PDB file of all heavy atoms in Angstrom:
ATOM      1  N   PRO A   1      21.476   8.301  10.762  1.00  0.00           N
ATOM      2  CA  PRO A   1      21.136   9.688  10.434  1.00  0.00           C
ATOM      3  C   PRO A   1      19.834  10.090  11.111  1.00  0.00           C
ATOM      4  O   PRO A   1      18.899   9.233  11.200  1.00  0.00           O
ATOM      5  CB  PRO A   1      20.989   9.684   8.905  1.00  0.00           C
ATOM      6  CG  PRO A   1      21.755   8.458   8.462  1.00  0.00           C
ATOM      7  CD  PRO A   1      21.684   7.467   9.574  1.00  0.00           C
ATOM      8  N   THR A   2      19.745  11.334  11.525  1.00  0.00           N
ATOM      9  CA  THR A   2      18.610  11.789  12.291  1.00  0.00           C
ATOM     10  C   THR A   2      17.268  11.548  11.595  1.00  0.00           C
ATOM     11  O   THR A   2      16.323  11.037  12.209  1.00  0.00           O
ATOM     12  CB  THR A   2      18.746  13.280  12.657  1.00  0.00           C
ATOM     13  OG1 THR A   2      19.985  13.487  13.314  1.00  0.00           O
ATOM     14  CG2 THR A   2      17.601  13.770  13.523  1.00  0.00           C
ATOM     15  N   LYS A   3      17.195  11.880  10.305  1.00  0.00           N
ATOM     16  CA  LYS A   3      15.937  11.663   9.569  1.00  0.00           C
ATOM     17  C   LYS A   3      15.519  10.167   9.585  1.00  0.00           C
ATOM     18  O   LYS A   3      14.352   9.848   9.763  1.00  0.00           O
ATOM     19  CB  LYS A   3      16.103  12.128   8.142  1.00  0.00           C
ATOM     20  CG  LYS A   3      15.845  13.587   7.929  1.00  0.00           C
ATOM     21  CD  LYS A   3      16.018  13.978   6.492  1.00  0.00           C
ATOM     22  CE  LYS A   3      14.748  13.764   5.688  1.00  0.00           C
ATOM     23  NZ  LYS A   3      14.816  14.330   4.307  1.00  0.00           N
ATOM     24  N   LEU A   4      16.526   9.297   9.385  1.00  0.00           N
ATOM     25  CA  LEU A   4      16.201   7.851   9.332  1.00  0.00           C
ATOM     26  C   LEU A   4      15.802   7.351  10.712  1.00  0.00           C
ATOM     27  O   LEU A   4      14.864   6.564  10.868  1.00  0.00           O
ATOM     28  CB  LEU A   4      17.414   7.099   8.800  1.00  0.00           C
ATOM     29  CG  LEU A   4      17.264   5.622   8.460  1.00  0.00           C
ATOM     30  CD1 LEU A   4      16.116   5.423   7.425  1.00  0.00           C
ATOM     31  CD2 LEU A   4      18.541   5.026   7.892  1.00  0.00           C
ATOM     32  N   PHE A   5      16.490   7.812  11.739  1.00  0.00           N
ATOM     33  CA  PHE A   5      16.136   7.353  13.133  1.00  0.00           C
ATOM     34  C   PHE A   5      14.742   7.875  13.459  1.00  0.00           C
ATOM     35  O   PHE A   5      13.918   7.154  14.019  1.00  0.00           O
ATOM     36  CB  PHE A   5      17.142   7.925  14.140  1.00  0.00           C
ATOM     37  CG  PHE A   5      16.798   7.636  15.565  1.00  0.00           C
ATOM     38  CD1 PHE A   5      16.986   6.345  16.015  1.00  0.00           C
ATOM     39  CD2 PHE A   5      16.248   8.571  16.376  1.00  0.00           C
ATOM     40  CE1 PHE A   5      16.620   5.994  17.305  1.00  0.00           C
ATOM     41  CE2 PHE A   5      15.894   8.233  17.665  1.00  0.00           C
ATOM     42  CZ  PHE A   5      16.066   6.986  18.143  1.00  0.00           C
ATOM     43  N   ASP A   6      14.446   9.153  13.127  1.00  0.00           N
ATOM     44  CA  ASP A   6      13.098   9.711  13.444  1.00  0.00           C
ATOM     45  C   ASP A   6      12.039   8.883  12.747  1.00  0.00           C
ATOM     46  O   ASP A   6      10.946   8.644  13.311  1.00  0.00           O
ATOM     47  CB  ASP A   6      13.029  11.157  13.090  1.00  0.00           C
ATOM     48  CG  ASP A   6      13.877  12.060  13.971  1.00  0.00           C
ATOM     49  OD1 ASP A   6      14.335  11.607  15.047  1.00  0.00           O
ATOM     50  OD2 ASP A   6      14.112  13.208  13.604  1.00  0.00           O
ATOM     51  N   LEU A   7      12.277   8.522  11.497  1.00  0.00           N
ATOM     52  CA  LEU A   7      11.301   7.743  10.706  1.00  0.00           C
ATOM     53  C   LEU A   7      11.168   6.353  11.337  1.00  0.00           C
ATOM     54  O   LEU A   7       9.993   5.840  11.394  1.00  0.00           O
ATOM     55  CB  LEU A   7      11.737   7.626   9.261  1.00  0.00           C
ATOM     56  CG  LEU A   7      10.797   6.925   8.312  1.00  0.00           C
ATOM     57  CD1 LEU A   7       9.420   7.573   8.269  1.00  0.00           C
ATOM     58  CD2 LEU A   7      11.408   6.863   6.918  1.00  0.00           C
ATOM     59  N   LEU A   8      12.239   5.768  11.791  1.00  0.00           N
ATOM     60  CA  LEU A   8      12.174   4.445  12.461  1.00  0.00           C
ATOM     61  C   LEU A   8      11.283   4.527  13.699  1.00  0.00           C
ATOM     62  O   LEU A   8      10.380   3.739  13.867  1.00  0.00           O
ATOM     63  CB  LEU A   8      13.548   3.929  12.802  1.00  0.00           C
ATOM     64  CG  LEU A   8      13.615   2.676  13.698  1.00  0.00           C
ATOM     65  CD1 LEU A   8      12.954   1.485  12.984  1.00  0.00           C
ATOM     66  CD2 LEU A   8      15.069   2.347  14.055  1.00  0.00           C
ATOM     67  N   VAL A   9      11.536   5.516  14.556  1.00  0.00           N
ATOM     68  CA  VAL A   9      10.777   5.652  15.785  1.00  0.00           C
ATOM     69  C   VAL A   9       9.316   5.984  15.488  1.00  0.00           C
ATOM     70  O   VAL A   9       8.378   5.354  16.092  1.00  0.00           O
ATOM     71  CB  VAL A   9      11.383   6.768  16.686  1.00  0.00           C
ATOM     72  CG1 VAL A   9      10.480   7.105  17.858  1.00  0.00           C
ATOM     73  CG2 VAL A   9      12.777   6.349  17.186  1.00  0.00           C
ATOM     74  N   LEU A  10       9.031   6.850  14.510  1.00  0.00           N
ATOM     75  CA  LEU A  10       7.688   7.156  14.150  1.00  0.00           C
ATOM     76  C   LEU A  10       6.952   5.942  13.623  1.00  0.00           C
ATOM     77  O   LEU A  10       5.806   5.644  13.978  1.00  0.00           O
ATOM     78  CB  LEU A  10       7.704   8.260  13.054  1.00  0.00           C
ATOM     79  CG  LEU A  10       6.352   8.748  12.595  1.00  0.00           C
ATOM     80  CD1 LEU A  10       5.583   9.444  13.673  1.00  0.00           C
ATOM     81  CD2 LEU A  10       6.510   9.696  11.379  1.00  0.00           C
ATOM     82  N   THR A  11       7.582   5.161  12.765  1.00  0.00           N
ATOM     83  CA  THR A  11       7.024   3.950  12.227  1.00  0.00           C
ATOM     84  C   THR A  11       6.662   2.961  13.361  1.00  0.00           C
ATOM     85  O   THR A  11       5.594   2.365  13.364  1.00  0.00           O
ATOM     86  CB  THR A  11       7.952   3.291  11.182  1.00  0.00           C
ATOM     87  OG1 THR A  11       8.172   4.244  10.152  1.00  0.00           O
ATOM     88  CG2 THR A  11       7.339   2.057  10.594  1.00  0.00           C
ATOM     89  N   LEU A  12       7.644   2.732  14.250  1.00  0.00           N
ATOM     90  CA  LEU A  12       7.392   1.823  15.366  1.00  0.00           C
ATOM     91  C   LEU A  12       6.240   2.300  16.239  1.00  0.00           C
ATOM     92  O   LEU A  12       5.428   1.460  16.665  1.00  0.00           O
ATOM     93  CB  LEU A  12       8.717   1.636  16.189  1.00  0.00           C
ATOM     94  CG  LEU A  12       9.841   0.927  15.526  1.00  0.00           C
ATOM     95  CD1 LEU A  12      11.067   0.972  16.434  1.00  0.00           C
ATOM     96  CD2 LEU A  12       9.480  -0.522  15.226  1.00  0.00           C
ATOM     97  N   CYS A  13       6.157   3.597  16.459  1.00  0.00           N
ATOM     98  CA  CYS A  13       5.074   4.123  17.296  1.00  0.00           C
ATOM     99  C   CYS A  13       3.709   4.000  16.593  1.00  0.00           C
ATOM    100  O   CYS A  13       2.722   3.539  17.188  1.00  0.00           O
ATOM    101  CB  CYS A  13       5.324   5.556  17.652  1.00  0.00           C
ATOM    102  SG  CYS A  13       6.687   5.771  18.793  1.00  0.00           S
ATOM    103  N   GLN A  14       3.655   4.381  15.318  1.00  0.00           N
ATOM    104  CA  GLN A  14       2.422   4.386  14.598  1.00  0.00           C
ATOM    105  C   GLN A  14       1.883   2.951  14.399  1.00  0.00           C
ATOM    106  O   GLN A  14       0.633   2.748  14.348  1.00  0.00           O
ATOM    107  CB  GLN A  14       2.580   5.051  13.224  1.00  0.00           C
ATOM    108  CG  GLN A  14       2.686   6.556  13.289  1.00  0.00           C
ATOM    109  CD  GLN A  14       2.925   7.128  11.926  1.00  0.00           C
ATOM    110  OE1 GLN A  14       3.413   6.483  10.968  1.00  0.00           O
ATOM    111  NE2 GLN A  14       2.601   8.436  11.756  1.00  0.00           N
ATOM    112  N   GLN A  15       2.760   2.005  14.195  1.00  0.00           N
ATOM    113  CA  GLN A  15       2.292   0.687  13.882  1.00  0.00           C
ATOM    114  C   GLN A  15       2.272  -0.239  15.091  1.00  0.00           C
ATOM    115  O   GLN A  15       1.981  -1.419  14.970  1.00  0.00           O
ATOM    116  CB  GLN A  15       3.142   0.088  12.735  1.00  0.00           C
ATOM    117  CG  GLN A  15       3.001   0.978  11.527  1.00  0.00           C
ATOM    118  CD  GLN A  15       3.612   0.298  10.295  1.00  0.00           C
ATOM    119  OE1 GLN A  15       3.785  -0.867  10.193  1.00  0.00           O
ATOM    120  NE2 GLN A  15       3.875   1.155   9.307  1.00  0.00           N
ATOM    121  N   ALA A  16       2.521   0.269  16.284  1.00  0.00           N
ATOM    122  CA  ALA A  16       2.503  -0.529  17.515  1.00  0.00           C
ATOM    123  C   ALA A  16       1.202  -1.303  17.706  1.00  0.00           C
ATOM    124  O   ALA A  16       1.232  -2.485  18.070  1.00  0.00           O
ATOM    125  CB  ALA A  16       2.772   0.349  18.709  1.00  0.00           C
ATOM    126  N   PRO A  17       0.009  -0.739  17.462  1.00  0.00           N
ATOM    127  CA  PRO A  17      -1.218  -1.465  17.675  1.00  0.00           C
ATOM    128  C   PRO A  17      -1.280  -2.797  16.898  1.00  0.00           C
ATOM    129  O   PRO A  17      -1.948  -3.731  17.323  1.00  0.00           O
ATOM    130  CB  PRO A  17      -2.353  -0.527  17.251  1.00  0.00           C
ATOM    131  CG  PRO A  17      -1.762   0.860  17.407  1.00  0.00           C
ATOM    132  CD  PRO A  17      -0.275   0.689  17.083  1.00  0.00           C
ATOM    133  N   ALA A  18      -0.633  -2.856  15.756  1.00  0.00           N
ATOM    134  CA  ALA A  18      -0.683  -4.078  14.931  1.00  0.00           C
ATOM    135  C   ALA A  18       0.186  -5.184  15.499  1.00  0.00           C
ATOM    136  O   ALA A  18       0.124  -6.344  15.063  1.00  0.00           O
ATOM    137  CB  ALA A  18      -0.254  -3.758  13.491  1.00  0.00           C
ATOM    138  N   PHE A  19       1.040  -4.866  16.458  1.00  0.00           N
ATOM    139  CA  PHE A  19       2.042  -5.826  16.998  1.00  0.00           C
ATOM    140  C   PHE A  19       1.858  -6.044  18.475  1.00  0.00           C
ATOM    141  O   PHE A  19       2.859  -6.349  19.162  1.00  0.00           O
ATOM    142  CB  PHE A  19       3.441  -5.326  16.674  1.00  0.00           C
ATOM    143  CG  PHE A  19       3.754  -5.250  15.212  1.00  0.00           C
ATOM    144  CD1 PHE A  19       3.712  -4.033  14.528  1.00  0.00           C
ATOM    145  CD2 PHE A  19       4.056  -6.406  14.507  1.00  0.00           C
ATOM    146  CE1 PHE A  19       3.985  -3.970  13.173  1.00  0.00           C
ATOM    147  CE2 PHE A  19       4.307  -6.312  13.133  1.00  0.00           C
ATOM    148  CZ  PHE A  19       4.292  -5.097  12.477  1.00  0.00           C
ATOM    149  N   THR A  20       0.653  -5.967  18.977  1.00  0.00           N
ATOM    150  CA  THR A  20       0.460  -6.088  20.472  1.00  0.00           C
ATOM    151  C   THR A  20       0.873  -7.435  21.018  1.00  0.00           C
ATOM    152  O   THR A  20       1.252  -7.487  22.163  1.00  0.00           O
ATOM    153  CB  THR A  20      -1.006  -5.789  20.836  1.00  0.00           C
ATOM    154  OG1 THR A  20      -1.842  -6.662  20.047  1.00  0.00           O
ATOM    155  CG2 THR A  20      -1.402  -4.334  20.596  1.00  0.00           C
ATOM    156  N   THR A  21       0.888  -8.437  20.212  1.00  0.00           N
ATOM    157  CA  THR A  21       1.261  -9.788  20.711  1.00  0.00           C
ATOM    158  C   THR A  21       2.529 -10.310  20.097  1.00  0.00           C
ATOM    159  O   THR A  21       2.888 -11.464  20.222  1.00  0.00           O
ATOM    160  CB  THR A  21       0.129 -10.855  20.436  1.00  0.00           C
ATOM    161  OG1 THR A  21      -0.089 -10.892  19.003  1.00  0.00           O
ATOM    162  CG2 THR A  21      -1.136 -10.425  21.096  1.00  0.00           C
ATOM    163  N   SER A  22       3.309  -9.451  19.414  1.00  0.00           N
ATOM    164  CA  SER A  22       4.536  -9.859  18.710  1.00  0.00           C
ATOM    165  C   SER A  22       5.755  -9.769  19.602  1.00  0.00           C
ATOM    166  O   SER A  22       6.166  -8.694  20.047  1.00  0.00           O
ATOM    167  CB  SER A  22       4.737  -8.947  17.467  1.00  0.00           C
ATOM    168  OG  SER A  22       5.965  -9.221  16.891  1.00  0.00           O
ATOM    169  N   LEU A  23       6.344 -10.916  19.795  1.00  0.00           N
ATOM    170  CA  LEU A  23       7.628 -10.963  20.568  1.00  0.00           C
ATOM    171  C   LEU A  23       8.740 -10.282  19.786  1.00  0.00           C
ATOM    172  O   LEU A  23       9.573  -9.569  20.379  1.00  0.00           O
ATOM    173  CB  LEU A  23       7.971 -12.398  20.903  1.00  0.00           C
ATOM    174  CG  LEU A  23       9.228 -12.641  21.736  1.00  0.00           C
ATOM    175  CD1 LEU A  23       9.092 -11.911  23.111  1.00  0.00           C
ATOM    176  CD2 LEU A  23       9.436 -14.117  21.961  1.00  0.00           C
ATOM    177  N   ASP A  24       8.770 -10.468  18.435  1.00  0.00           N
ATOM    178  CA  ASP A  24       9.823  -9.832  17.606  1.00  0.00           C
ATOM    179  C   ASP A  24       9.692  -8.327  17.698  1.00  0.00           C
ATOM    180  O   ASP A  24      10.729  -7.614  17.714  1.00  0.00           O
ATOM    181  CB  ASP A  24       9.702 -10.299  16.138  1.00  0.00           C
ATOM    182  CG  ASP A  24      10.196 -11.726  15.948  1.00  0.00           C
ATOM    183  OD1 ASP A  24      11.031 -12.144  16.813  1.00  0.00           O
ATOM    184  OD2 ASP A  24       9.834 -12.361  14.982  1.00  0.00           O
ATOM    185  N   TYR A  25       8.492  -7.777  17.705  1.00  0.00           N
ATOM    186  CA  TYR A  25       8.283  -6.322  17.810  1.00  0.00           C
ATOM    187  C   TYR A  25       8.805  -5.860  19.181  1.00  0.00           C
ATOM    188  O   TYR A  25       9.479  -4.814  19.245  1.00  0.00           O
ATOM    189  CB  TYR A  25       6.828  -5.965  17.622  1.00  0.00           C
ATOM    190  CG  TYR A  25       6.522  -4.496  17.694  1.00  0.00           C
ATOM    191  CD1 TYR A  25       6.773  -3.681  16.615  1.00  0.00           C
ATOM    192  CD2 TYR A  25       6.107  -3.938  18.919  1.00  0.00           C
ATOM    193  CE1 TYR A  25       6.564  -2.313  16.676  1.00  0.00           C
ATOM    194  CE2 TYR A  25       5.877  -2.588  18.995  1.00  0.00           C
ATOM    195  CZ  TYR A  25       6.113  -1.786  17.896  1.00  0.00           C
ATOM    196  OH  TYR A  25       5.891  -0.416  18.028  1.00  0.00           O
ATOM    197  N   ALA A  26       8.477  -6.551  20.225  1.00  0.00           N
ATOM    198  CA  ALA A  26       8.958  -6.178  21.565  1.00  0.00           C
ATOM    199  C   ALA A  26      10.477  -6.161  21.613  1.00  0.00           C
ATOM    200  O   ALA A  26      11.071  -5.226  22.189  1.00  0.00           O
ATOM    201  CB  ALA A  26       8.378  -7.126  22.623  1.00  0.00           C
ATOM    202  N   LYS A  27      11.095  -7.203  21.003  1.00  0.00           N
ATOM    203  CA  LYS A  27      12.565  -7.217  20.993  1.00  0.00           C
ATOM    204  C   LYS A  27      13.124  -6.070  20.208  1.00  0.00           C
ATOM    205  O   LYS A  27      14.157  -5.476  20.582  1.00  0.00           O
ATOM    206  CB  LYS A  27      13.041  -8.561  20.304  1.00  0.00           C
ATOM    207  CG  LYS A  27      12.857  -9.778  21.139  1.00  0.00           C
ATOM    208  CD  LYS A  27      13.326 -10.960  20.359  1.00  0.00           C
ATOM    209  CE  LYS A  27      13.079 -12.284  21.088  1.00  0.00           C
ATOM    210  NZ  LYS A  27      13.450 -13.487  20.311  1.00  0.00           N
ATOM    211  N   LEU A  28      12.502  -5.718  19.089  1.00  0.00           N
ATOM    212  CA  LEU A  28      12.965  -4.614  18.271  1.00  0.00           C
ATOM    213  C   LEU A  28      12.854  -3.289  19.036  1.00  0.00           C
ATOM    214  O   LEU A  28      13.816  -2.488  19.013  1.00  0.00           O
ATOM    215  CB  LEU A  28      12.132  -4.563  16.969  1.00  0.00           C
ATOM    216  CG  LEU A  28      12.495  -3.494  15.993  1.00  0.00           C
ATOM    217  CD1 LEU A  28      13.942  -3.564  15.529  1.00  0.00           C
ATOM    218  CD2 LEU A  28      11.592  -3.605  14.765  1.00  0.00           C
ATOM    219  N   VAL A  29      11.765  -3.050  19.652  1.00  0.00           N
ATOM    220  CA  VAL A  29      11.604  -1.786  20.412  1.00  0.00           C
ATOM    221  C   VAL A  29      12.618  -1.719  21.546  1.00  0.00           C
ATOM    222  O   VAL A  29      13.247  -0.680  21.766  1.00  0.00           O
ATOM    223  CB  VAL A  29      10.147  -1.660  20.955  1.00  0.00           C
ATOM    224  CG1 VAL A  29      10.023  -0.500  21.941  1.00  0.00           C
ATOM    225  CG2 VAL A  29       9.162  -1.467  19.823  1.00  0.00           C
ATOM    226  N   THR A  30      12.813  -2.853  22.218  1.00  0.00           N
ATOM    227  CA  THR A  30      13.814  -2.897  23.303  1.00  0.00           C
ATOM    228  C   THR A  30      15.218  -2.576  22.760  1.00  0.00           C
ATOM    229  O   THR A  30      15.989  -1.840  23.342  1.00  0.00           O
ATOM    230  CB  THR A  30      13.841  -4.304  23.980  1.00  0.00           C
ATOM    231  OG1 THR A  30      12.510  -4.527  24.475  1.00  0.00           O
ATOM    232  CG2 THR A  30      14.817  -4.334  25.123  1.00  0.00           C
ATOM    233  N   ALA A  31      15.562  -3.149  21.587  1.00  0.00           N
ATOM    234  CA  ALA A  31      16.829  -2.881  20.965  1.00  0.00           C
ATOM    235  C   ALA A  31      17.003  -1.397  20.618  1.00  0.00           C
ATOM    236  O   ALA A  31      18.072  -0.798  20.870  1.00  0.00           O
ATOM    237  CB  ALA A  31      17.015  -3.729  19.731  1.00  0.00           C
ATOM    238  N   VAL A  32      15.951  -0.771  20.096  1.00  0.00           N
ATOM    239  CA  VAL A  32      16.005   0.630  19.697  1.00  0.00           C
ATOM    240  C   VAL A  32      16.195   1.477  20.999  1.00  0.00           C
ATOM    241  O   VAL A  32      17.041   2.364  21.033  1.00  0.00           O
ATOM    242  CB  VAL A  32      14.739   1.088  18.930  1.00  0.00           C
ATOM    243  CG1 VAL A  32      14.676   2.607  18.824  1.00  0.00           C
ATOM    244  CG2 VAL A  32      14.714   0.425  17.574  1.00  0.00           C
ATOM    245  N   LEU A  33      15.444   1.180  22.055  1.00  0.00           N
ATOM    246  CA  LEU A  33      15.555   1.905  23.273  1.00  0.00           C
ATOM    247  C   LEU A  33      16.924   1.741  23.961  1.00  0.00           C
ATOM    248  O   LEU A  33      17.440   2.678  24.521  1.00  0.00           O
ATOM    249  CB  LEU A  33      14.458   1.523  24.251  1.00  0.00           C
ATOM    250  CG  LEU A  33      12.998   1.856  23.880  1.00  0.00           C
ATOM    251  CD1 LEU A  33      12.032   1.238  24.775  1.00  0.00           C
ATOM    252  CD2 LEU A  33      12.839   3.389  23.805  1.00  0.00           C
ATOM    253  N   THR A  34      17.526   0.559  23.837  1.00  0.00           N
ATOM    254  CA  THR A  34      18.816   0.306  24.420  1.00  0.00           C
ATOM    255  C   THR A  34      19.926   0.972  23.598  1.00  0.00           C
ATOM    256  O   THR A  34      20.785   1.675  24.175  1.00  0.00           O
ATOM    257  CB  THR A  34      19.080  -1.198  24.486  1.00  0.00           C
ATOM    258  OG1 THR A  34      18.008  -1.847  25.181  1.00  0.00           O
ATOM    259  CG2 THR A  34      20.408  -1.513  25.096  1.00  0.00           C
ATOM    260  N   MET A  35      19.896   0.794  22.280  1.00  0.00           N
ATOM    261  CA  MET A  35      20.985   1.299  21.448  1.00  0.00           C
ATOM    262  C   MET A  35      20.966   2.804  21.331  1.00  0.00           C
ATOM    263  O   MET A  35      21.988   3.467  21.184  1.00  0.00           O
ATOM    264  CB  MET A  35      20.900   0.732  20.046  1.00  0.00           C
ATOM    265  CG  MET A  35      21.242  -0.733  19.968  1.00  0.00           C
ATOM    266  SD  MET A  35      21.028  -1.413  18.281  1.00  0.00           S
ATOM    267  CE  MET A  35      22.278  -0.514  17.379  1.00  0.00           C
ATOM    268  N   TYR A  36      19.751   3.398  21.343  1.00  0.00           N
ATOM    269  CA  TYR A  36      19.626   4.802  21.052  1.00  0.00           C
ATOM    270  C   TYR A  36      18.943   5.576  22.173  1.00  0.00           C
ATOM    271  O   TYR A  36      18.248   6.529  21.968  1.00  0.00           O
ATOM    272  CB  TYR A  36      18.843   5.031  19.775  1.00  0.00           C
ATOM    273  CG  TYR A  36      19.522   4.361  18.572  1.00  0.00           C
ATOM    274  CD1 TYR A  36      19.002   3.174  18.048  1.00  0.00           C
ATOM    275  CD2 TYR A  36      20.632   4.944  17.934  1.00  0.00           C
ATOM    276  CE1 TYR A  36      19.663   2.542  16.959  1.00  0.00           C
ATOM    277  CE2 TYR A  36      21.264   4.360  16.908  1.00  0.00           C
ATOM    278  CZ  TYR A  36      20.773   3.139  16.429  1.00  0.00           C
ATOM    279  OH  TYR A  36      21.373   2.585  15.346  1.00  0.00           O
TER     280      TYR A  36
END
């Protein structure tokens, strides 16, 4: 759903600085960019 997707993207963007060295975060962002 659009609201849920927008919240997911917003959360990933806002919290990116906390995950600068996280491989799991990088995989997650890649999955979001690929799937959507």
